[in-house]
Amino acid sequence: MPTMLEPDAVASTASTAHPEDPIVLSSLTHDYGTRLALDHLSFSVAPAQIFGLLGPNGSGKTTLFRILSTLMVPSGGVATIRGFDVAKEPGQVRQQIGIVFQARSLDIKLTVEENLRHAGHLYGLSGKHLRGRIADVLQRVALTDRARDYVETLSGGMQRRVELAKGLIHSPAVLLLDEPTTGLDPGARLDLWQYLRMLRDEEGVTVLVTTHMMEEAEYCDRLAILSEGKLVALGSPEELKSTIGGDVVLFETDSETAAQSLAARMAGRFDMAALGNGAPAVLGNTVRLERENGHRFLTAVLDAFPGEVRGVSVSRPRLEDVFIQRTGHRFWTEKTDASETQRDHEKGGGHD
C-alpha cells in the first residue's frame, strides 16, 4: 500500500506546469505576521478544468482566492493568470477573470437585467454588445424569463445563478468561485454544478472553486487539498482516493486513553508492516488504519481483544481519509468550529 507523501513529494508533483495553463502558482506565500497562511504553494490549473481548493477553515484557501482575485498581494512567490502576474498586473488579470464571492454582491432592489447592465459597464461594455451579452448569460443560467424581475423576489438558488451570470458578463477565460453553494438547498447545489460543467464543456472556461464540502469536491476534475497553508495532496478525486489502497477500518473505544492502549497492542500483535502506512492512528476515542480485506482484519482484532471495542466500521476510501492520511488529523477539529467560521465571515475570509 502506498505510503504517505512527504511535503517535498507533493511539491514535486505540482511543479509540472505547462505554458498554456491559465493558472500557475510558484512558491506562493502569504504571511499575516502572526501566522503563515500560505506556505510556498506550487501547482497549476489546466485549461477547461474544474479545479477545487479543498480545506477546512484556516487552511488558506480563502487567502489564496483573494490573491488570485487581485484583492490581496502575496508576501512572496508568484501567481499568474493567463500569463499575467496577479500582483504586478492586476488590471490585465481582472480582464481575464470572473468572480463569484461567497457574500452576495447583487443589488436586490434592482432587476436581474439592471444588475447585469451595471456589471457590464464596469468592464467597459455598452450598447448592442452589452445587450447581447446579457441575453447570452441569462440564457446560459436559464433565467431569460426572469430578466425584469427584482432580485429580492428570486429564490436563493436563482440569486446565485444571477451572481454566476454577473461573473460571466465580460466573457472571462477563468471563473473564480468562493464557496459558491453556501446557503443553497441540495437541488440548487446540483443545478449550480451542472452549470459549471456546461461552462467547462461548451465554452472552455477554466473554473476554480473553493469548498470545505467533501461531497462537492468529488465533482471537481482535480483538487488541491490544503491544510494550515500547505499543499498536502494534489490530483483527481479518484487518484487521491486510490493512494489509500485498501479499506479504511475504524475501531471505536470508550476513551482516547483506551484507543491509545488498543492501538499500541494492535501494533504489537499484528504485522503492521503489511499496512504500508505505519502504526494505527488514534483520532480521539477511535483507532484508524488502512488494510486490504478490512472485514477479515476487523474480525481478527475483535477476537484478539474481546470487549474492548464499542463500535466498528469498514469503508472504501473517501477524500476525508486522504486528508487524514496526509495530515494525521481529521478534516474538522476543535479549531474549525462555528465560532471561527463566523469570525472569518465577519472579516471577509481574509484569514482563512
Protein backbone atom coordinates (compact mmCIF):
# COMPACT_ATOMS: atom_id res chain seq x y z
CA MET A 1 0.00 0.00 0.00
CA PRO A 2 1.39 3.46 -0.85
CA THR A 3 2.94 5.43 1.98
CA MET A 4 2.06 8.96 2.97
CA LEU A 5 3.62 11.55 0.68
CA GLU A 6 6.10 13.93 2.27
CA PRO A 7 5.62 17.67 1.58
CA ASP A 8 8.55 17.68 -0.85
CA ALA A 9 6.96 14.80 -2.78
CA VAL A 10 3.69 16.71 -3.05
CA ALA A 11 5.57 19.78 -4.25
CA SER A 12 7.40 17.78 -6.91
CA THR A 13 4.11 16.50 -8.32
CA ALA A 14 2.86 20.10 -8.53
CA SER A 15 5.79 21.57 -10.44
CA THR A 16 4.87 20.34 -13.94
CA ALA A 17 3.11 23.48 -15.17
CA HIS A 18 2.60 23.89 -18.92
CA PRO A 19 2.85 27.22 -20.77
CA GLU A 20 -0.85 27.09 -21.69
CA ASP A 21 -2.05 26.54 -18.09
CA PRO A 22 -4.31 29.51 -17.23
CA ILE A 23 -3.44 29.49 -13.50
CA VAL A 24 0.11 28.89 -12.27
CA LEU A 25 1.43 29.22 -8.71
CA SER A 26 5.14 29.18 -7.95
CA SER A 27 6.19 29.11 -4.29
CA LEU A 28 3.28 31.41 -3.40
CA THR A 29 3.47 32.55 0.20
CA HIS A 30 1.44 34.86 2.43
CA ASP A 31 2.33 35.82 5.98
CA TYR A 32 -0.10 37.69 8.24
CA GLY A 33 2.68 38.37 10.73
CA THR A 34 1.48 36.03 13.44
CA ARG A 35 0.66 33.17 11.09
CA LEU A 36 1.84 31.80 7.75
CA ALA A 37 -1.42 31.48 5.82
CA LEU A 38 0.15 30.15 2.58
CA ASP A 39 3.37 28.16 2.70
CA HIS A 40 5.17 28.10 -0.67
CA LEU A 41 2.30 26.72 -2.78
CA SER A 42 3.24 25.50 -6.26
CA PHE A 43 0.74 23.99 -8.69
CA SER A 44 -1.10 24.80 -11.89
CA VAL A 45 -4.62 24.52 -13.29
CA ALA A 46 -5.15 23.17 -16.79
CA PRO A 47 -7.42 24.81 -19.39
CA ALA A 48 -11.16 23.97 -19.35
CA GLN A 49 -10.90 22.24 -15.99
CA ILE A 50 -12.99 22.45 -12.82
CA PHE A 51 -10.34 22.74 -10.12
CA GLY A 52 -11.17 22.61 -6.43
CA LEU A 53 -9.39 24.13 -3.45
CA LEU A 54 -10.46 21.86 -0.60
CA GLY A 55 -9.67 22.55 3.02
CA PRO A 56 -11.18 23.31 6.42
CA ASN A 57 -11.41 26.82 7.85
CA GLY A 58 -7.91 28.14 8.40
CA SER A 59 -6.37 26.06 5.61
CA GLY A 60 -5.52 29.07 3.45
CA LYS A 61 -8.00 28.58 0.61
CA THR A 62 -9.76 31.92 1.07
CA THR A 63 -6.45 33.77 1.30
CA LEU A 64 -5.42 32.14 -1.97
CA PHE A 65 -8.77 33.05 -3.53
CA ARG A 66 -8.35 36.69 -2.56
CA ILE A 67 -4.83 36.77 -4.01
CA LEU A 68 -6.00 35.27 -7.31
CA SER A 69 -8.87 37.79 -7.33
CA THR A 70 -6.28 40.63 -7.03
CA LEU A 71 -7.77 41.71 -3.69
CA MET A 72 -4.52 40.94 -1.83
CA VAL A 73 -0.84 40.97 -2.72
CA PRO A 74 1.11 37.86 -1.65
CA SER A 75 4.09 38.13 0.67
CA GLY A 76 6.24 36.07 -1.68
CA GLY A 77 6.26 33.86 -4.73
CA VAL A 78 4.35 34.35 -7.96
CA ALA A 79 0.82 33.63 -9.18
CA THR A 80 -0.15 34.18 -12.80
CA ILE A 81 -3.48 34.02 -14.60
CA ARG A 82 -3.18 33.57 -18.37
CA GLY A 83 0.40 34.77 -18.10
CA PHE A 84 -0.33 37.96 -16.14
CA ASP A 85 1.16 38.39 -12.67
CA VAL A 86 -1.68 38.92 -10.17
CA ALA A 87 0.48 41.26 -8.04
CA LYS A 88 2.17 43.28 -10.79
CA GLU A 89 -0.53 43.29 -13.48
CA PRO A 90 -3.87 43.31 -11.62
CA GLY A 91 -5.65 45.30 -14.31
CA GLN A 92 -4.86 42.75 -17.00
CA VAL A 93 -5.76 39.89 -14.65
CA ARG A 94 -9.20 41.39 -13.93
CA GLN A 95 -9.98 41.33 -17.63
CA GLN A 96 -9.30 37.58 -17.66
CA ILE A 97 -11.35 36.53 -14.62
CA GLY A 98 -14.94 36.40 -13.49
CA ILE A 99 -15.54 36.29 -9.73
CA VAL A 100 -18.39 34.92 -7.65
CA PHE A 101 -17.86 35.74 -3.99
CA GLN A 102 -19.32 33.85 -1.08
CA ALA A 103 -21.09 37.00 0.14
CA ARG A 104 -23.90 38.37 -2.03
CA SER A 105 -22.83 41.12 -4.43
CA LEU A 106 -26.18 41.82 -6.05
CA ASP A 107 -28.39 44.86 -5.52
CA ILE A 108 -31.67 43.21 -4.54
CA LYS A 109 -33.65 46.40 -5.25
CA LEU A 110 -32.69 46.25 -8.93
CA THR A 111 -33.91 43.83 -11.56
CA VAL A 112 -31.79 40.96 -12.83
CA GLU A 113 -31.15 42.82 -16.08
CA GLU A 114 -30.18 46.04 -14.26
CA ASN A 115 -27.64 44.19 -12.13
CA LEU A 116 -26.06 42.70 -15.22
CA ARG A 117 -26.07 46.01 -17.07
CA HIS A 118 -24.18 47.72 -14.22
CA ALA A 119 -21.68 44.84 -14.10
CA GLY A 120 -21.13 45.17 -17.84
CA HIS A 121 -20.48 48.90 -17.55
CA LEU A 122 -17.68 48.18 -15.07
CA TYR A 123 -15.95 46.18 -17.80
CA GLY A 124 -16.46 48.86 -20.45
CA LEU A 125 -19.35 47.11 -22.20
CA SER A 126 -22.24 49.10 -23.60
CA GLY A 127 -24.87 49.30 -26.30
CA LYS A 128 -25.68 46.38 -28.58
CA HIS A 129 -22.73 44.29 -27.41
CA LEU A 130 -23.77 44.53 -23.76
CA ARG A 131 -27.40 43.72 -24.58
CA GLY A 132 -26.20 40.67 -26.46
CA ARG A 133 -24.04 39.52 -23.57
CA ILE A 134 -26.91 39.95 -21.09
CA ALA A 135 -29.14 37.82 -23.31
CA ASP A 136 -26.41 35.19 -23.67
CA VAL A 137 -25.61 34.82 -19.98
CA LEU A 138 -29.27 34.80 -18.94
CA GLN A 139 -29.89 32.00 -21.41
CA ARG A 140 -26.82 30.18 -20.07
CA VAL A 141 -28.18 30.20 -16.49
CA ALA A 142 -31.80 29.63 -17.56
CA LEU A 143 -33.12 32.98 -16.31
CA THR A 144 -34.20 34.67 -19.54
CA ASP A 145 -37.81 34.84 -18.35
CA ARG A 146 -36.80 36.50 -15.07
CA ALA A 147 -34.73 39.34 -16.58
CA ARG A 148 -37.13 42.07 -15.41
CA ASP A 149 -37.85 40.57 -12.00
CA TYR A 150 -36.39 42.25 -8.94
CA VAL A 151 -33.59 40.21 -7.41
CA GLU A 152 -35.24 40.26 -3.98
CA THR A 153 -38.15 38.24 -5.39
CA LEU A 154 -35.90 35.37 -6.51
CA SER A 155 -35.06 32.22 -4.58
CA GLY A 156 -31.56 31.73 -3.15
CA GLY A 157 -30.67 29.36 -5.98
CA MET A 158 -31.83 31.82 -8.62
CA GLN A 159 -29.90 34.65 -6.98
CA ARG A 160 -26.77 32.50 -7.10
CA ARG A 161 -27.36 31.96 -10.81
CA VAL A 162 -27.58 35.73 -11.28
CA GLU A 163 -24.22 36.01 -9.46
CA LEU A 164 -22.84 33.48 -11.91
CA ALA A 165 -24.24 35.42 -14.87
CA LYS A 166 -22.68 38.59 -13.48
CA GLY A 167 -19.29 36.90 -13.27
CA LEU A 168 -19.60 35.79 -16.91
CA ILE A 169 -20.81 39.08 -18.39
CA HIS A 170 -17.41 40.01 -19.91
CA SER A 171 -16.67 36.50 -21.29
CA PRO A 172 -13.81 35.64 -18.91
CA ALA A 173 -11.50 32.72 -19.61
CA VAL A 174 -11.22 31.92 -15.89
CA LEU A 175 -14.06 31.83 -13.35
CA LEU A 176 -13.25 32.02 -9.63
CA LEU A 177 -15.92 30.96 -7.13
CA ASP A 178 -15.60 31.16 -3.34
CA GLU A 179 -17.85 28.59 -1.57
CA PRO A 180 -20.49 29.14 -4.28
CA THR A 181 -23.17 26.83 -2.85
CA THR A 182 -23.26 28.36 0.64
CA GLY A 183 -26.87 28.65 1.76
CA LEU A 184 -28.33 26.71 -1.15
CA ASP A 185 -30.63 23.72 -0.85
CA PRO A 186 -29.44 20.38 -2.32
CA GLY A 187 -31.36 20.84 -5.58
CA ALA A 188 -29.91 24.31 -6.18
CA ARG A 189 -26.43 22.97 -5.45
CA LEU A 190 -26.76 20.29 -8.09
CA ASP A 191 -28.06 22.88 -10.57
CA LEU A 192 -25.06 25.14 -9.96
CA TRP A 193 -22.60 22.30 -10.56
CA GLN A 194 -24.44 21.42 -13.76
CA TYR A 195 -23.98 25.00 -14.99
CA LEU A 196 -20.27 24.87 -14.15
CA ARG A 197 -19.84 21.66 -16.15
CA MET A 198 -21.66 23.27 -19.09
CA LEU A 199 -19.28 26.24 -18.95
CA ARG A 200 -16.31 23.89 -18.95
CA ASP A 201 -17.58 21.66 -21.74
CA GLU A 202 -19.31 24.13 -24.06
CA GLU A 203 -17.30 27.33 -23.60
CA GLY A 204 -13.92 26.05 -22.41
CA VAL A 205 -13.98 28.14 -19.24
CA THR A 206 -11.48 27.22 -16.53
CA VAL A 207 -13.26 27.11 -13.17
CA LEU A 208 -11.60 27.35 -9.75
CA VAL A 209 -13.83 26.65 -6.74
CA THR A 210 -13.07 26.85 -3.03
CA THR A 211 -15.01 24.44 -0.83
CA HIS A 212 -14.95 22.75 2.55
CA MET A 213 -17.55 20.19 1.47
CA MET A 214 -16.17 16.76 0.65
CA GLU A 215 -19.14 15.70 -1.45
CA GLU A 216 -18.79 18.79 -3.64
CA ALA A 217 -15.07 18.26 -4.08
CA GLU A 218 -15.95 14.95 -5.75
CA TYR A 219 -17.43 16.94 -8.66
CA CYS A 220 -14.08 18.57 -9.48
CA ASP A 221 -11.77 17.32 -12.22
CA ARG A 222 -8.76 17.97 -9.99
CA LEU A 223 -8.16 19.04 -6.41
CA ALA A 224 -5.58 20.77 -4.27
CA ILE A 225 -6.11 19.81 -0.63
CA LEU A 226 -4.78 22.43 1.78
CA SER A 227 -4.04 22.20 5.49
CA GLU A 228 -2.63 25.07 7.55
CA GLY A 229 -1.39 26.81 4.42
CA LYS A 230 0.37 23.77 2.97
CA LEU A 231 -0.44 21.73 -0.10
CA VAL A 232 -0.92 18.21 1.24
CA ALA A 233 -2.44 16.46 -1.80
CA LEU A 234 -2.94 17.16 -5.49
CA GLY A 235 -4.80 15.15 -8.12
CA SER A 236 -8.21 14.00 -9.28
CA PRO A 237 -10.58 12.71 -6.58
CA GLU A 238 -10.16 9.14 -7.83
CA GLU A 239 -6.37 9.41 -7.99
CA LEU A 240 -6.22 10.71 -4.44
CA LYS A 241 -8.53 8.04 -3.04
CA SER A 242 -6.55 5.34 -4.84
CA THR A 243 -3.47 6.24 -2.77
CA ILE A 244 -5.21 4.72 0.27
CA GLY A 245 -5.01 1.36 -1.45
CA GLY A 246 -7.35 -0.61 0.81
CA ASP A 247 -10.27 -0.41 3.21
CA VAL A 248 -10.45 2.17 5.99
CA VAL A 249 -11.11 0.38 9.29
CA LEU A 250 -12.27 2.23 12.42
CA PHE A 251 -12.43 0.82 15.97
CA GLU A 252 -14.35 2.93 18.48
CA THR A 253 -13.41 2.62 22.17
CA ASP A 254 -14.59 4.19 25.43
CA SER A 255 -11.93 6.92 25.59
CA GLU A 256 -8.82 8.33 23.95
CA THR A 257 -6.68 6.54 26.55
CA ALA A 258 -8.35 3.23 25.69
CA ALA A 259 -7.82 3.91 21.98
CA GLN A 260 -4.11 4.62 22.53
CA SER A 261 -3.74 1.39 24.51
CA LEU A 262 -5.58 -0.64 21.88
CA ALA A 263 -3.51 0.87 19.04
CA ALA A 264 -0.25 0.02 20.81
CA ARG A 265 -1.28 -3.57 21.47
CA MET A 266 -2.60 -3.99 17.92
CA ALA A 267 0.78 -2.87 16.59
CA GLY A 268 2.45 -5.50 18.77
CA ARG A 269 0.03 -8.27 17.90
CA PHE A 270 -0.33 -7.86 14.14
CA ASP A 271 2.08 -7.30 11.26
CA MET A 272 1.79 -3.55 10.86
CA ALA A 273 4.44 -3.53 8.12
CA ALA A 274 1.81 -5.08 5.85
CA LEU A 275 -0.30 -1.94 6.27
CA GLY A 276 2.21 0.21 4.41
CA ASN A 277 1.29 3.32 6.43
CA GLY A 278 2.85 2.51 9.79
CA ALA A 279 1.13 2.11 13.13
CA PRO A 280 -2.60 2.64 13.63
CA ALA A 281 -3.63 6.26 14.11
CA VAL A 282 -5.56 7.42 17.17
CA LEU A 283 -8.26 10.01 16.48
CA GLY A 284 -9.97 10.83 19.76
CA ASN A 285 -11.50 7.61 21.04
CA THR A 286 -11.12 5.88 17.66
CA VAL A 287 -8.32 3.77 16.22
CA ARG A 288 -8.00 4.16 12.44
CA LEU A 289 -5.97 2.15 9.97
CA GLU A 290 -5.92 1.14 6.33
CA ARG A 291 -5.94 -2.51 5.39
CA GLU A 292 -6.74 -4.71 2.43
CA ASN A 293 -9.55 -7.14 3.20
CA GLY A 294 -10.65 -4.91 6.05
CA HIS A 295 -13.53 -7.16 7.13
CA ARG A 296 -11.17 -10.06 7.79
CA PHE A 297 -8.79 -7.89 9.78
CA LEU A 298 -11.68 -6.44 11.78
CA THR A 299 -12.75 -9.93 12.85
CA ALA A 300 -9.22 -10.80 13.89
CA VAL A 301 -8.97 -7.70 16.11
CA LEU A 302 -12.33 -8.36 17.77
CA ASP A 303 -11.25 -11.92 18.54
CA ALA A 304 -7.88 -10.78 19.91
CA PHE A 305 -9.27 -8.02 22.15
CA PRO A 306 -12.79 -9.09 23.22
CA GLY A 307 -14.92 -6.46 24.95
CA GLU A 308 -12.59 -3.53 24.21
CA VAL A 309 -14.22 -2.26 21.02
CA ARG A 310 -17.56 -0.42 21.23
CA GLY A 311 -18.15 0.08 17.53
CA VAL A 312 -16.54 -0.76 14.20
CA SER A 313 -16.80 0.30 10.58
CA VAL A 314 -15.18 -0.67 7.30
CA SER A 315 -15.47 1.58 4.26
CA ARG A 316 -13.89 2.35 0.94
CA PRO A 317 -11.58 5.37 0.97
CA ARG A 318 -13.09 8.86 0.88
CA LEU A 319 -11.45 12.23 0.40
CA GLU A 320 -11.51 12.75 4.17
CA ASP A 321 -9.39 9.63 4.51
CA VAL A 322 -6.87 11.19 2.13
CA PHE A 323 -6.80 14.28 4.35
CA ILE A 324 -6.30 12.17 7.49
CA GLN A 325 -3.57 10.14 5.83
CA ARG A 326 -1.64 13.26 4.77
CA THR A 327 -2.12 15.33 7.94
CA GLY A 328 -2.64 12.87 10.80
CA HIS A 329 -5.87 14.54 11.95
CA ARG A 330 -9.50 14.85 10.96
CA PHE A 331 -10.76 17.40 8.46
CA TRP A 332 -12.84 19.12 11.15
CA THR A 333 -11.21 19.73 14.52
CA GLU A 334 -11.90 21.90 17.55
CA LYS A 335 -10.12 24.75 15.73
CA THR A 336 -12.69 24.78 12.94
CA ASP A 337 -15.87 25.26 14.94
CA ALA A 338 -18.79 27.56 14.24
CA SER A 339 -17.26 30.48 16.12
CA GLU A 340 -14.23 30.52 13.84
CA THR A 341 -16.46 30.26 10.79
CA GLN A 342 -18.42 33.29 11.98
CA ARG A 343 -15.21 35.20 12.70
CA ASP A 344 -13.89 34.51 9.21
CA HIS A 345 -17.15 35.66 7.64
CA GLU A 346 -17.08 38.88 9.65
CA LYS A 347 -13.54 39.57 8.48
CA GLY A 348 -14.37 38.77 4.87
CA GLY A 349 -12.49 35.49 4.90
CA GLY A 350 -9.12 37.24 4.95
CA HIS A 351 -7.54 34.93 7.49
CA ASP A 352 -8.50 31.55 6.09
